[in-house]
Amino acid sequence: AARRRGIPAIVATQMLESMTSSPAPTRAEASDVANAVYEGADALMLSAETASGDYPMEAVGIMSRIIERVERDPLWPGLMDAEHAGMDEHDVDALVAAARKAAEAQSTACMVVFTTTGGTARRMARERPLQPILTLTPKPETARRLALVWGLEPRLGPEPKSLEEVTDLAVSSAMDYGLAEPGQRILILAGTPFGAPGAANLLRLAHAPAKAKGKK
């Protein structure tokens, strides 16, 4: 239900409890962490392991390695598709579903989503695309909220005022943040009219040039 609505699902507390006093988790704990990822959690959170445990860095490192290993599993994308709860009846749902298919078909390096409230970015994350999702927003509070959502790379950025600005900002930002290289394709989602809050209604493919315009 949370994933269908684009709401972050967080699994927390006692995930690697034994690591408060041991440098390695139990087999059951490692399995619990992996299962949470296989079930589509957006974020996993440690508590006592890092707040008062003897091995906080080790706990973070082990949890990170388990997550990365699961998400590299060839079966993982299929499981995410099978567990997809379906779409609400909104135009933006059809747009993000099409964006994922286009990104896979065109082998894009990343997606760039322009958002004010974060709604489109959360819906895009719900699709679990293979590409990273750079999310550009002019609002710090939106960037903070999106930091918990699976697959999103939220960054503060100016609000574009035209289609040319959308493309230039998306390409330069993707390259500046190391998510695209010269010649690679970038998929862009944005909303029109520019400068007005509302759901995304624009989907565009762009190529990163040899030298991107914008900030250095």
N, C-alpha and C. Protein backbone atom coordinates (compact mmCIF):
# COMPACT_ATOMS: atom_id res chain seq x y z
N ALA A 1 0.83 -1.20 0.00
CA ALA A 1 0.00 0.00 0.00
C ALA A 1 0.86 1.25 0.00
N ALA A 2 1.94 1.25 0.80
CA ALA A 2 2.82 2.42 0.86
C ALA A 2 3.50 2.64 -0.49
N ARG A 3 3.98 1.56 -1.10
CA ARG A 3 4.66 1.70 -2.38
C ARG A 3 3.71 2.19 -3.46
N ARG A 4 2.49 1.73 -3.44
CA ARG A 4 1.52 2.16 -4.45
C ARG A 4 1.29 3.66 -4.39
N ARG A 5 1.33 4.23 -3.19
CA ARG A 5 1.11 5.66 -3.03
C ARG A 5 2.40 6.47 -3.06
N GLY A 6 3.50 5.80 -3.31
CA GLY A 6 4.77 6.51 -3.36
C GLY A 6 5.24 6.99 -2.01
N ILE A 7 4.85 6.30 -0.95
CA ILE A 7 5.25 6.66 0.41
C ILE A 7 6.42 5.78 0.83
N PRO A 8 7.50 6.37 1.34
CA PRO A 8 8.66 5.56 1.73
C PRO A 8 8.32 4.54 2.81
N ALA A 9 8.78 3.32 2.61
CA ALA A 9 8.61 2.25 3.60
C ALA A 9 9.96 2.00 4.26
N ILE A 10 10.03 2.21 5.57
CA ILE A 10 11.28 2.09 6.32
C ILE A 10 11.20 0.91 7.28
N VAL A 11 12.20 0.04 7.23
CA VAL A 11 12.29 -1.09 8.15
C VAL A 11 13.38 -0.74 9.16
N ALA A 12 13.04 -0.81 10.45
CA ALA A 12 13.98 -0.32 11.45
C ALA A 12 13.96 -1.14 12.74
N THR A 13 14.96 -0.91 13.54
CA THR A 13 15.19 -1.41 14.90
C THR A 13 15.56 -2.89 14.95
N GLN A 14 16.63 -3.16 15.65
CA GLN A 14 17.10 -4.51 15.98
C GLN A 14 17.41 -5.37 14.75
N MET A 15 17.75 -4.74 13.65
CA MET A 15 18.03 -5.53 12.45
C MET A 15 19.36 -6.28 12.57
N LEU A 16 20.35 -5.64 13.16
CA LEU A 16 21.65 -6.28 13.40
C LEU A 16 21.99 -6.16 14.89
N GLU A 17 21.03 -6.51 15.71
CA GLU A 17 21.14 -6.29 17.16
C GLU A 17 22.39 -6.90 17.77
N SER A 18 22.80 -8.07 17.30
CA SER A 18 23.98 -8.71 17.89
C SER A 18 25.25 -7.89 17.69
N MET A 19 25.23 -6.97 16.72
CA MET A 19 26.43 -6.18 16.44
C MET A 19 26.61 -5.03 17.44
N THR A 20 25.74 -4.92 18.42
CA THR A 20 26.02 -3.98 19.50
C THR A 20 27.23 -4.45 20.30
N SER A 21 27.49 -5.76 20.27
CA SER A 21 28.63 -6.28 21.03
C SER A 21 29.48 -7.27 20.23
N SER A 22 29.14 -7.48 18.96
CA SER A 22 29.88 -8.42 18.13
C SER A 22 30.23 -7.76 16.79
N PRO A 23 31.41 -8.03 16.24
CA PRO A 23 31.78 -7.41 14.96
C PRO A 23 31.10 -8.01 13.74
N ALA A 24 30.33 -9.06 13.93
CA ALA A 24 29.65 -9.71 12.80
C ALA A 24 28.21 -10.06 13.20
N PRO A 25 27.27 -10.02 12.25
CA PRO A 25 25.88 -10.35 12.57
C PRO A 25 25.66 -11.85 12.57
N THR A 26 24.52 -12.26 13.09
CA THR A 26 24.14 -13.66 12.99
C THR A 26 23.61 -13.92 11.58
N ARG A 27 23.55 -15.18 11.22
CA ARG A 27 23.03 -15.54 9.90
C ARG A 27 21.57 -15.12 9.76
N ALA A 28 20.80 -15.24 10.83
CA ALA A 28 19.40 -14.86 10.80
C ALA A 28 19.25 -13.36 10.58
N GLU A 29 20.10 -12.56 11.21
CA GLU A 29 20.03 -11.11 11.04
C GLU A 29 20.35 -10.71 9.60
N ALA A 30 21.40 -11.31 9.05
CA ALA A 30 21.75 -11.02 7.66
C ALA A 30 20.61 -11.39 6.73
N SER A 31 19.94 -12.50 7.01
CA SER A 31 18.81 -12.93 6.20
C SER A 31 17.65 -11.94 6.32
N ASP A 32 17.41 -11.42 7.52
CA ASP A 32 16.33 -10.45 7.71
C ASP A 32 16.58 -9.18 6.91
N VAL A 33 17.82 -8.71 6.90
CA VAL A 33 18.16 -7.52 6.14
C VAL A 33 17.92 -7.77 4.65
N ALA A 34 18.40 -8.90 4.16
CA ALA A 34 18.22 -9.23 2.74
C ALA A 34 16.75 -9.34 2.38
N ASN A 35 15.96 -9.97 3.23
CA ASN A 35 14.54 -10.13 2.95
C ASN A 35 13.81 -8.80 2.89
N ALA A 36 14.21 -7.86 3.73
CA ALA A 36 13.58 -6.53 3.70
C ALA A 36 13.81 -5.85 2.36
N VAL A 37 15.01 -6.04 1.79
CA VAL A 37 15.31 -5.47 0.48
C VAL A 37 14.52 -6.18 -0.60
N TYR A 38 14.47 -7.51 -0.54
CA TYR A 38 13.70 -8.28 -1.52
C TYR A 38 12.21 -7.92 -1.48
N GLU A 39 11.73 -7.47 -0.32
CA GLU A 39 10.32 -7.12 -0.19
C GLU A 39 10.02 -5.68 -0.59
N GLY A 40 11.07 -4.93 -1.00
CA GLY A 40 10.82 -3.61 -1.56
C GLY A 40 10.93 -2.45 -0.60
N ALA A 41 11.59 -2.61 0.55
CA ALA A 41 11.73 -1.50 1.48
C ALA A 41 12.53 -0.37 0.83
N ASP A 42 12.15 0.87 1.14
CA ASP A 42 12.89 2.03 0.64
C ASP A 42 14.17 2.26 1.43
N ALA A 43 14.09 2.04 2.74
CA ALA A 43 15.24 2.33 3.59
C ALA A 43 15.28 1.34 4.75
N LEU A 44 16.49 1.00 5.19
CA LEU A 44 16.71 0.19 6.37
C LEU A 44 17.44 1.06 7.39
N MET A 45 17.03 0.97 8.64
CA MET A 45 17.59 1.88 9.65
C MET A 45 18.14 1.12 10.84
N LEU A 46 19.35 1.46 11.22
CA LEU A 46 19.95 0.90 12.43
C LEU A 46 19.59 1.79 13.61
N SER A 47 19.62 1.22 14.81
CA SER A 47 19.31 2.01 16.01
C SER A 47 20.41 1.83 17.04
N ALA A 48 20.25 0.88 17.95
CA ALA A 48 21.25 0.68 19.00
C ALA A 48 22.62 0.30 18.43
N GLU A 49 22.62 -0.33 17.26
CA GLU A 49 23.88 -0.76 16.66
C GLU A 49 24.84 0.42 16.45
N THR A 50 24.28 1.59 16.10
CA THR A 50 25.12 2.76 15.87
C THR A 50 25.02 3.79 16.99
N ALA A 51 23.91 3.76 17.74
CA ALA A 51 23.74 4.74 18.82
C ALA A 51 24.60 4.42 20.03
N SER A 52 24.69 3.13 20.39
CA SER A 52 25.43 2.77 21.61
C SER A 52 26.25 1.49 21.45
N GLY A 53 26.26 0.91 20.25
CA GLY A 53 26.99 -0.34 20.04
C GLY A 53 28.49 -0.15 19.97
N ASP A 54 29.20 -1.26 20.09
CA ASP A 54 30.67 -1.24 20.04
C ASP A 54 31.22 -1.23 18.62
N TYR A 55 30.38 -1.55 17.62
CA TYR A 55 30.88 -1.68 16.25
C TYR A 55 29.97 -0.91 15.27
N PRO A 56 29.79 0.40 15.46
CA PRO A 56 28.87 1.15 14.59
C PRO A 56 29.29 1.18 13.12
N MET A 57 30.57 1.38 12.85
CA MET A 57 31.03 1.45 11.47
C MET A 57 30.89 0.09 10.78
N GLU A 58 31.21 -0.96 11.50
CA GLU A 58 31.08 -2.30 10.94
C GLU A 58 29.62 -2.62 10.62
N ALA A 59 28.71 -2.19 11.51
CA ALA A 59 27.29 -2.46 11.29
C ALA A 59 26.79 -1.76 10.02
N VAL A 60 27.18 -0.50 9.85
CA VAL A 60 26.78 0.24 8.66
C VAL A 60 27.36 -0.41 7.40
N GLY A 61 28.64 -0.79 7.47
CA GLY A 61 29.28 -1.41 6.32
C GLY A 61 28.65 -2.72 5.92
N ILE A 62 28.35 -3.56 6.89
CA ILE A 62 27.75 -4.86 6.59
C ILE A 62 26.35 -4.69 6.02
N MET A 63 25.55 -3.78 6.62
CA MET A 63 24.20 -3.57 6.08
C MET A 63 24.27 -3.06 4.65
N SER A 64 25.19 -2.15 4.39
CA SER A 64 25.33 -1.61 3.03
C SER A 64 25.71 -2.71 2.04
N ARG A 65 26.63 -3.59 2.43
CA ARG A 65 27.05 -4.66 1.52
C ARG A 65 25.92 -5.64 1.23
N ILE A 66 25.10 -5.94 2.25
CA ILE A 66 23.97 -6.84 2.02
C ILE A 66 22.98 -6.22 1.04
N ILE A 67 22.67 -4.94 1.25
CA ILE A 67 21.73 -4.24 0.36
C ILE A 67 22.25 -4.24 -1.08
N GLU A 68 23.51 -3.89 -1.26
CA GLU A 68 24.08 -3.83 -2.60
C GLU A 68 24.10 -5.20 -3.26
N ARG A 69 24.38 -6.22 -2.48
CA ARG A 69 24.42 -7.57 -3.06
C ARG A 69 23.03 -8.01 -3.52
N VAL A 70 22.01 -7.71 -2.73
CA VAL A 70 20.64 -8.08 -3.12
C VAL A 70 20.24 -7.34 -4.39
N GLU A 71 20.53 -6.04 -4.45
CA GLU A 71 20.10 -5.25 -5.60
C GLU A 71 20.88 -5.58 -6.87
N ARG A 72 22.00 -6.30 -6.73
CA ARG A 72 22.72 -6.81 -7.91
C ARG A 72 22.23 -8.20 -8.33
N ASP A 73 21.38 -8.80 -7.53
CA ASP A 73 20.84 -10.12 -7.85
C ASP A 73 20.00 -10.02 -9.13
N PRO A 74 20.29 -10.82 -10.16
CA PRO A 74 19.50 -10.76 -11.40
C PRO A 74 18.00 -11.00 -11.18
N LEU A 75 17.65 -11.66 -10.09
CA LEU A 75 16.24 -11.93 -9.82
C LEU A 75 15.53 -10.74 -9.18
N TRP A 76 16.28 -9.79 -8.64
CA TRP A 76 15.67 -8.71 -7.87
C TRP A 76 14.72 -7.82 -8.69
N PRO A 77 15.10 -7.39 -9.93
CA PRO A 77 14.17 -6.56 -10.69
C PRO A 77 12.82 -7.27 -10.95
N GLY A 78 12.88 -8.56 -11.24
CA GLY A 78 11.65 -9.30 -11.48
C GLY A 78 10.78 -9.38 -10.24
N LEU A 79 11.39 -9.53 -9.08
CA LEU A 79 10.63 -9.55 -7.83
C LEU A 79 9.96 -8.21 -7.59
N MET A 80 10.65 -7.12 -7.90
CA MET A 80 10.05 -5.79 -7.73
C MET A 80 8.85 -5.61 -8.65
N ASP A 81 8.96 -6.14 -9.87
CA ASP A 81 7.83 -6.05 -10.79
C ASP A 81 6.66 -6.89 -10.29
N ALA A 82 6.96 -8.08 -9.78
CA ALA A 82 5.90 -8.97 -9.31
C ALA A 82 5.17 -8.40 -8.11
N GLU A 83 5.89 -7.64 -7.28
CA GLU A 83 5.29 -7.08 -6.07
C GLU A 83 4.71 -5.70 -6.29
N HIS A 84 4.80 -5.18 -7.52
CA HIS A 84 4.26 -3.86 -7.81
C HIS A 84 2.75 -3.89 -7.58
N ALA A 85 2.27 -2.96 -6.77
CA ALA A 85 0.86 -2.98 -6.39
C ALA A 85 -0.05 -2.36 -7.43
N GLY A 86 0.50 -1.92 -8.56
CA GLY A 86 -0.33 -1.31 -9.58
C GLY A 86 -0.36 0.20 -9.44
N MET A 87 -1.04 0.86 -10.35
CA MET A 87 -1.04 2.32 -10.40
C MET A 87 -2.39 2.89 -9.98
N ASP A 88 -2.34 4.11 -9.44
CA ASP A 88 -3.55 4.87 -9.25
C ASP A 88 -3.95 5.43 -10.61
N GLU A 89 -5.17 5.95 -10.69
CA GLU A 89 -5.66 6.43 -11.98
C GLU A 89 -5.31 7.90 -12.17
N HIS A 90 -4.03 8.18 -12.36
CA HIS A 90 -3.56 9.53 -12.60
C HIS A 90 -2.69 9.52 -13.85
N ASP A 91 -2.69 10.65 -14.57
CA ASP A 91 -1.87 10.74 -15.77
C ASP A 91 -0.40 10.53 -15.46
N VAL A 92 0.06 11.05 -14.31
CA VAL A 92 1.48 10.94 -13.98
C VAL A 92 1.90 9.50 -13.76
N ASP A 93 0.96 8.62 -13.33
CA ASP A 93 1.29 7.21 -13.17
C ASP A 93 1.62 6.57 -14.51
N ALA A 94 0.84 6.91 -15.51
CA ALA A 94 1.13 6.39 -16.85
C ALA A 94 2.44 6.94 -17.37
N LEU A 95 2.74 8.20 -17.03
CA LEU A 95 3.98 8.82 -17.49
C LEU A 95 5.21 8.15 -16.89
N VAL A 96 5.19 7.89 -15.58
CA VAL A 96 6.37 7.28 -14.95
C VAL A 96 6.55 5.83 -15.39
N ALA A 97 5.44 5.13 -15.63
CA ALA A 97 5.55 3.76 -16.14
C ALA A 97 6.19 3.77 -17.53
N ALA A 98 5.77 4.73 -18.37
CA ALA A 98 6.36 4.85 -19.70
C ALA A 98 7.82 5.27 -19.61
N ALA A 99 8.14 6.11 -18.62
CA ALA A 99 9.52 6.58 -18.45
C ALA A 99 10.45 5.42 -18.13
N ARG A 100 10.01 4.53 -17.28
CA ARG A 100 10.86 3.38 -16.95
C ARG A 100 11.12 2.52 -18.19
N LYS A 101 10.08 2.25 -18.97
CA LYS A 101 10.26 1.43 -20.16
C LYS A 101 11.16 2.12 -21.19
N ALA A 102 10.99 3.44 -21.33
CA ALA A 102 11.81 4.18 -22.27
C ALA A 102 13.27 4.18 -21.83
N ALA A 103 13.49 4.34 -20.52
CA ALA A 103 14.86 4.36 -19.99
C ALA A 103 15.56 3.03 -20.24
N GLU A 104 14.84 1.93 -20.08
CA GLU A 104 15.42 0.62 -20.30
C GLU A 104 15.66 0.37 -21.79
N ALA A 105 14.69 0.77 -22.62
CA ALA A 105 14.82 0.53 -24.05
C ALA A 105 15.95 1.34 -24.67
N GLN A 106 16.17 2.55 -24.14
CA GLN A 106 17.19 3.44 -24.69
C GLN A 106 18.52 3.37 -23.94
N SER A 107 18.60 2.49 -22.95
CA SER A 107 19.84 2.33 -22.15
C SER A 107 20.33 3.68 -21.62
N THR A 108 19.44 4.42 -20.99
CA THR A 108 19.83 5.73 -20.47
C THR A 108 20.74 5.59 -19.26
N ALA A 109 21.58 6.60 -19.06
CA ALA A 109 22.51 6.59 -17.93
C ALA A 109 21.79 6.90 -16.63
N CYS A 110 20.81 7.80 -16.70
CA CYS A 110 20.08 8.19 -15.50
C CYS A 110 18.77 8.86 -15.89
N MET A 111 17.96 9.12 -14.88
CA MET A 111 16.76 9.92 -15.05
C MET A 111 16.93 11.22 -14.28
N VAL A 112 16.35 12.30 -14.79
CA VAL A 112 16.35 13.57 -14.07
C VAL A 112 14.90 14.01 -13.92
N VAL A 113 14.46 14.16 -12.68
CA VAL A 113 13.08 14.53 -12.39
C VAL A 113 13.07 15.91 -11.74
N PHE A 114 12.32 16.83 -12.34
CA PHE A 114 12.11 18.16 -11.75
C PHE A 114 10.83 18.11 -10.92
N THR A 115 10.92 18.54 -9.67
CA THR A 115 9.77 18.44 -8.80
C THR A 115 9.75 19.56 -7.78
N THR A 116 8.56 19.97 -7.38
CA THR A 116 8.42 20.98 -6.33
C THR A 116 8.02 20.33 -5.02
N THR A 117 7.05 19.44 -5.07
CA THR A 117 6.56 18.78 -3.85
C THR A 117 7.17 17.40 -3.63
N GLY A 118 7.72 16.80 -4.69
CA GLY A 118 8.30 15.46 -4.58
C GLY A 118 7.40 14.35 -5.05
N GLY A 119 6.16 14.66 -5.41
CA GLY A 119 5.21 13.62 -5.79
C GLY A 119 5.64 12.81 -6.99
N THR A 120 6.08 13.47 -8.05
CA THR A 120 6.50 12.75 -9.25
C THR A 120 7.73 11.89 -8.99
N ALA A 121 8.67 12.41 -8.21
CA ALA A 121 9.88 11.64 -7.90
C ALA A 121 9.54 10.38 -7.12
N ARG A 122 8.62 10.48 -6.15
CA ARG A 122 8.23 9.29 -5.39
C ARG A 122 7.55 8.27 -6.29
N ARG A 123 6.74 8.72 -7.20
CA ARG A 123 6.09 7.78 -8.12
C ARG A 123 7.12 7.12 -9.04
N MET A 124 8.13 7.88 -9.46
CA MET A 124 9.16 7.31 -10.31
C MET A 124 9.94 6.25 -9.55
N ALA A 125 10.25 6.52 -8.28
CA ALA A 125 10.98 5.55 -7.46
C ALA A 125 10.16 4.28 -7.27
N ARG A 126 8.86 4.41 -7.20
CA ARG A 126 7.98 3.25 -7.04
C ARG A 126 8.16 2.24 -8.17
N GLU A 127 8.55 2.72 -9.35
CA GLU A 127 8.73 1.83 -10.50
C GLU A 127 10.02 1.01 -10.42
N ARG A 128 10.91 1.36 -9.49
CA ARG A 128 12.19 0.67 -9.30
C ARG A 128 12.98 0.55 -10.61
N PRO A 129 13.26 1.67 -11.27
CA PRO A 129 14.08 1.60 -12.50
C PRO A 129 15.52 1.21 -12.17
N LEU A 130 16.21 0.71 -13.16
CA LEU A 130 17.61 0.31 -12.96
C LEU A 130 18.54 1.52 -12.90
N GLN A 131 18.10 2.67 -13.43
CA GLN A 131 18.93 3.87 -13.48
C GLN A 131 18.75 4.71 -12.21
N PRO A 132 19.81 5.42 -11.80
CA PRO A 132 19.65 6.37 -10.69
C PRO A 132 18.70 7.50 -11.09
N ILE A 133 18.03 8.08 -10.11
CA ILE A 133 17.04 9.13 -10.36
C ILE A 133 17.53 10.42 -9.70
N LEU A 134 18.07 11.33 -10.49
CA LEU A 134 18.48 12.63 -9.98
C LEU A 134 17.24 13.50 -9.87
N THR A 135 16.97 13.97 -8.67
CA THR A 135 15.76 14.76 -8.41
C THR A 135 16.15 16.19 -8.10
N LEU A 136 15.73 17.12 -8.93
CA LEU A 136 16.07 18.53 -8.76
C LEU A 136 14.85 19.29 -8.26
N THR A 137 15.02 20.01 -7.15
CA THR A 137 13.92 20.76 -6.55
C THR A 137 14.45 22.08 -6.01
N PRO A 138 13.64 23.14 -6.07
CA PRO A 138 14.08 24.42 -5.49
C PRO A 138 13.82 24.49 -3.98
N LYS A 139 13.15 23.48 -3.42
CA LYS A 139 12.75 23.53 -2.01
C LYS A 139 13.60 22.61 -1.14
N PRO A 140 14.32 23.15 -0.16
CA PRO A 140 15.13 22.31 0.73
C PRO A 140 14.32 21.27 1.48
N GLU A 141 13.08 21.61 1.89
CA GLU A 141 12.27 20.65 2.63
C GLU A 141 11.89 19.45 1.78
N THR A 142 11.69 19.67 0.49
CA THR A 142 11.39 18.56 -0.42
C THR A 142 12.62 17.67 -0.57
N ALA A 143 13.78 18.28 -0.73
CA ALA A 143 15.02 17.49 -0.87
C ALA A 143 15.26 16.64 0.37
N ARG A 144 14.99 17.18 1.55
CA ARG A 144 15.18 16.41 2.79
C ARG A 144 14.24 15.22 2.84
N ARG A 145 12.99 15.43 2.49
CA ARG A 145 12.02 14.32 2.54
C ARG A 145 12.39 13.23 1.54
N LEU A 146 12.85 13.62 0.37
CA LEU A 146 13.14 12.64 -0.68
C LEU A 146 14.42 11.85 -0.41
N ALA A 147 15.22 12.30 0.54
CA ALA A 147 16.46 11.58 0.84
C ALA A 147 16.20 10.17 1.36
N LEU A 148 15.00 9.92 1.87
CA LEU A 148 14.65 8.59 2.39
C LEU A 148 14.11 7.65 1.33
N VAL A 149 13.81 8.16 0.15
CA VAL A 149 13.12 7.36 -0.86
C VAL A 149 14.12 6.57 -1.70
N TRP A 150 13.78 5.31 -1.96
CA TRP A 150 14.66 4.41 -2.71
C TRP A 150 15.04 5.02 -4.06
N GLY A 151 16.33 4.93 -4.40
CA GLY A 151 16.79 5.27 -5.74
C GLY A 151 16.93 6.74 -6.07
N LEU A 152 16.47 7.63 -5.18
CA LEU A 152 16.49 9.06 -5.49
C LEU A 152 17.80 9.71 -5.05
N GLU A 153 18.27 10.64 -5.87
CA GLU A 153 19.44 11.46 -5.55
C GLU A 153 18.95 12.91 -5.51
N PRO A 154 18.34 13.34 -4.39
CA PRO A 154 17.77 14.69 -4.34
C PRO A 154 18.84 15.77 -4.24
N ARG A 155 18.68 16.82 -5.05
CA ARG A 155 19.60 17.95 -5.04
C ARG A 155 18.79 19.24 -5.21
N LEU A 156 19.29 20.31 -4.62
CA LEU A 156 18.67 21.61 -4.81
C LEU A 156 19.07 22.16 -6.17
N GLY A 157 18.12 22.78 -6.87
CA GLY A 157 18.40 23.36 -8.16
C GLY A 157 17.37 24.42 -8.50
N PRO A 158 17.70 25.32 -9.40
CA PRO A 158 16.75 26.37 -9.78
C PRO A 158 15.56 25.81 -10.53
N GLU A 159 14.49 26.56 -10.53
CA GLU A 159 13.29 26.14 -11.25
C GLU A 159 13.40 26.60 -12.70
N PRO A 160 13.41 25.68 -13.66
CA PRO A 160 13.55 26.08 -15.07
C PRO A 160 12.33 26.85 -15.54
N LYS A 161 12.56 27.75 -16.50
CA LYS A 161 11.48 28.59 -17.01
C LYS A 161 11.10 28.27 -18.46
N SER A 162 11.82 27.33 -19.08
CA SER A 162 11.54 26.99 -20.47
C SER A 162 12.01 25.57 -20.74
N LEU A 163 11.59 25.03 -21.88
CA LEU A 163 11.99 23.68 -22.26
C LEU A 163 13.51 23.61 -22.46
N GLU A 164 14.09 24.66 -23.03
CA GLU A 164 15.54 24.67 -23.23
C GLU A 164 16.27 24.64 -21.89
N GLU A 165 15.76 25.39 -20.90
CA GLU A 165 16.37 25.39 -19.58
C GLU A 165 16.24 24.02 -18.92
N VAL A 166 15.10 23.37 -19.10
CA VAL A 166 14.90 22.03 -18.54
C VAL A 166 15.97 21.08 -19.06
N THR A 167 16.15 21.08 -20.37
CA THR A 167 17.12 20.17 -20.98
C THR A 167 18.55 20.50 -20.56
N ASP A 168 18.91 21.79 -20.64
CA ASP A 168 20.28 22.19 -20.29
C ASP A 168 20.60 21.88 -18.83
N LEU A 169 19.66 22.18 -17.93
CA LEU A 169 19.90 21.96 -16.51
C LEU A 169 19.96 20.47 -16.19
N ALA A 170 19.10 19.69 -16.82
CA ALA A 170 19.10 18.25 -16.58
C ALA A 170 20.42 17.63 -17.03
N VAL A 171 20.87 17.99 -18.22
CA VAL A 171 22.11 17.41 -18.76
C VAL A 171 23.32 17.85 -17.94
N SER A 172 23.43 19.15 -17.66
CA SER A 172 24.60 19.64 -16.92
C SER A 172 24.63 19.08 -15.51
N SER A 173 23.46 18.97 -14.86
CA SER A 173 23.41 18.44 -13.50
C SER A 173 23.79 16.96 -13.47
N ALA A 174 23.26 16.19 -14.42
CA ALA A 174 23.58 14.76 -14.48
C ALA A 174 25.08 14.54 -14.65
N MET A 175 25.71 15.36 -15.47
CA MET A 175 27.15 15.21 -15.69
C MET A 175 27.94 15.72 -14.48
N ASP A 176 27.51 16.84 -13.91
CA ASP A 176 28.22 17.39 -12.75
C ASP A 176 28.20 16.44 -11.56
N TYR A 177 27.09 15.73 -11.38
CA TYR A 177 26.98 14.82 -10.25
C TYR A 177 27.47 13.41 -10.57
N GLY A 178 28.08 13.25 -11.73
CA GLY A 178 28.70 11.98 -12.07
C GLY A 178 27.75 10.87 -12.45
N LEU A 179 26.54 11.22 -12.88
CA LEU A 179 25.55 10.21 -13.24
C LEU A 179 25.45 9.97 -14.74
N ALA A 180 26.12 10.79 -15.52
CA ALA A 180 26.13 10.61 -16.98
C ALA A 180 27.46 11.08 -17.53
N GLU A 181 27.88 10.44 -18.61
CA GLU A 181 29.12 10.79 -19.30
C GLU A 181 28.79 11.30 -20.70
N PRO A 182 29.73 11.99 -21.32
CA PRO A 182 29.49 12.51 -22.67
C PRO A 182 28.98 11.44 -23.63
N GLY A 183 27.94 11.79 -24.35
CA GLY A 183 27.37 10.87 -25.33
C GLY A 183 26.27 9.97 -24.82
N GLN A 184 26.11 9.88 -23.49
CA GLN A 184 25.08 9.01 -22.93
C GLN A 184 23.71 9.69 -22.97
N ARG A 185 22.67 8.86 -22.96
CA ARG A 185 21.30 9.37 -22.96
C ARG A 185 20.82 9.66 -21.54
N ILE A 186 19.99 10.67 -21.42
CA ILE A 186 19.40 11.06 -20.14
C ILE A 186 17.89 11.21 -20.35
N LEU A 187 17.12 10.64 -19.47
CA LEU A 187 15.67 10.76 -19.56
C LEU A 187 15.21 11.83 -18.58
N ILE A 188 14.35 12.74 -19.04
CA ILE A 188 13.93 13.90 -18.26
C ILE A 188 12.43 13.87 -18.04
N LEU A 189 12.00 14.12 -16.80
CA LEU A 189 10.59 14.30 -16.47
C LEU A 189 10.41 15.68 -15.85
N ALA A 190 9.42 16.41 -16.34
CA ALA A 190 9.15 17.75 -15.82
C ALA A 190 7.67 18.06 -16.01
N GLY A 191 7.26 19.20 -15.48
CA GLY A 191 5.86 19.60 -15.61
C GLY A 191 5.74 20.96 -16.27
N THR A 192 4.68 21.13 -17.05
CA THR A 192 4.36 22.43 -17.64
C THR A 192 2.96 22.83 -17.18
N PRO A 193 2.68 24.13 -17.05
CA PRO A 193 3.56 25.27 -17.35
C PRO A 193 4.71 25.36 -16.36
N PHE A 194 5.87 25.80 -16.84
CA PHE A 194 7.05 25.89 -16.00
C PHE A 194 6.85 26.93 -14.90
N GLY A 195 7.37 26.62 -13.72
CA GLY A 195 7.27 27.54 -12.59
C GLY A 195 6.00 27.40 -11.79
N ALA A 196 5.09 26.50 -12.20
CA ALA A 196 3.83 26.31 -11.49
C ALA A 196 3.80 24.89 -10.92
N PRO A 197 3.42 24.74 -9.64
CA PRO A 197 3.34 23.39 -9.06
C PRO A 197 2.32 22.54 -9.80
N GLY A 198 2.58 21.25 -9.87
CA GLY A 198 1.66 20.34 -10.54
C GLY A 198 2.37 19.08 -10.97
N ALA A 199 1.60 18.08 -11.37
CA ALA A 199 2.17 16.80 -11.75
C ALA A 199 2.93 16.92 -13.06
N ALA A 200 3.93 16.05 -13.21
CA ALA A 200 4.72 16.04 -14.45
C ALA A 200 3.86 15.65 -15.64
N ASN A 201 4.10 16.27 -16.76
CA ASN A 201 3.39 15.94 -17.99
C ASN A 201 4.31 15.98 -19.20
N LEU A 202 5.63 16.02 -18.93
CA LEU A 202 6.61 16.12 -20.01
C LEU A 202 7.67 15.04 -19.83
N LEU A 203 7.89 14.27 -20.88
CA LEU A 203 8.90 13.22 -20.89
C LEU A 203 9.79 13.45 -22.10
N ARG A 204 11.10 13.50 -21.85
CA ARG A 204 12.01 13.83 -22.95
C ARG A 204 13.32 13.07 -22.81
N LEU A 205 13.90 12.66 -23.94
CA LEU A 205 15.23 12.05 -23.97
C LEU A 205 16.23 13.08 -24.48
N ALA A 206 17.38 13.14 -23.83
CA ALA A 206 18.42 14.07 -24.25
C ALA A 206 19.76 13.34 -24.25
N HIS A 207 20.72 13.88 -24.96
CA HIS A 207 22.08 13.32 -25.00
C HIS A 207 23.03 14.27 -24.29
N ALA A 208 23.91 13.69 -23.50
CA ALA A 208 24.96 14.49 -22.87
C ALA A 208 26.01 14.80 -23.93
N PRO A 209 26.29 16.08 -24.18
CA PRO A 209 27.29 16.42 -25.20
C PRO A 209 28.71 16.23 -24.68
N ALA A 210 29.67 16.52 -25.54
CA ALA A 210 31.07 16.40 -25.13
C ALA A 210 31.39 17.34 -23.99
N LYS A 211 30.72 18.49 -23.96
CA LYS A 211 30.90 19.45 -22.87
C LYS A 211 29.55 20.03 -22.55
N ALA A 212 29.05 19.75 -21.33
CA ALA A 212 27.71 20.20 -20.98
C ALA A 212 27.70 21.69 -20.69
N LYS A 213 26.55 22.30 -20.98
CA LYS A 213 26.36 23.69 -20.62
C LYS A 213 26.05 23.78 -19.13
N GLY A 214 26.08 25.00 -18.61
CA GLY A 214 25.66 25.17 -17.22
C GLY A 214 26.84 25.35 -16.30
N LYS A 215 26.63 24.99 -15.04
CA LYS A 215 27.65 25.23 -14.02
C LYS A 215 28.86 24.36 -14.25
N LYS A 216 29.99 24.85 -13.79
CA LYS A 216 31.25 24.14 -13.95
C LYS A 216 31.45 23.15 -12.83
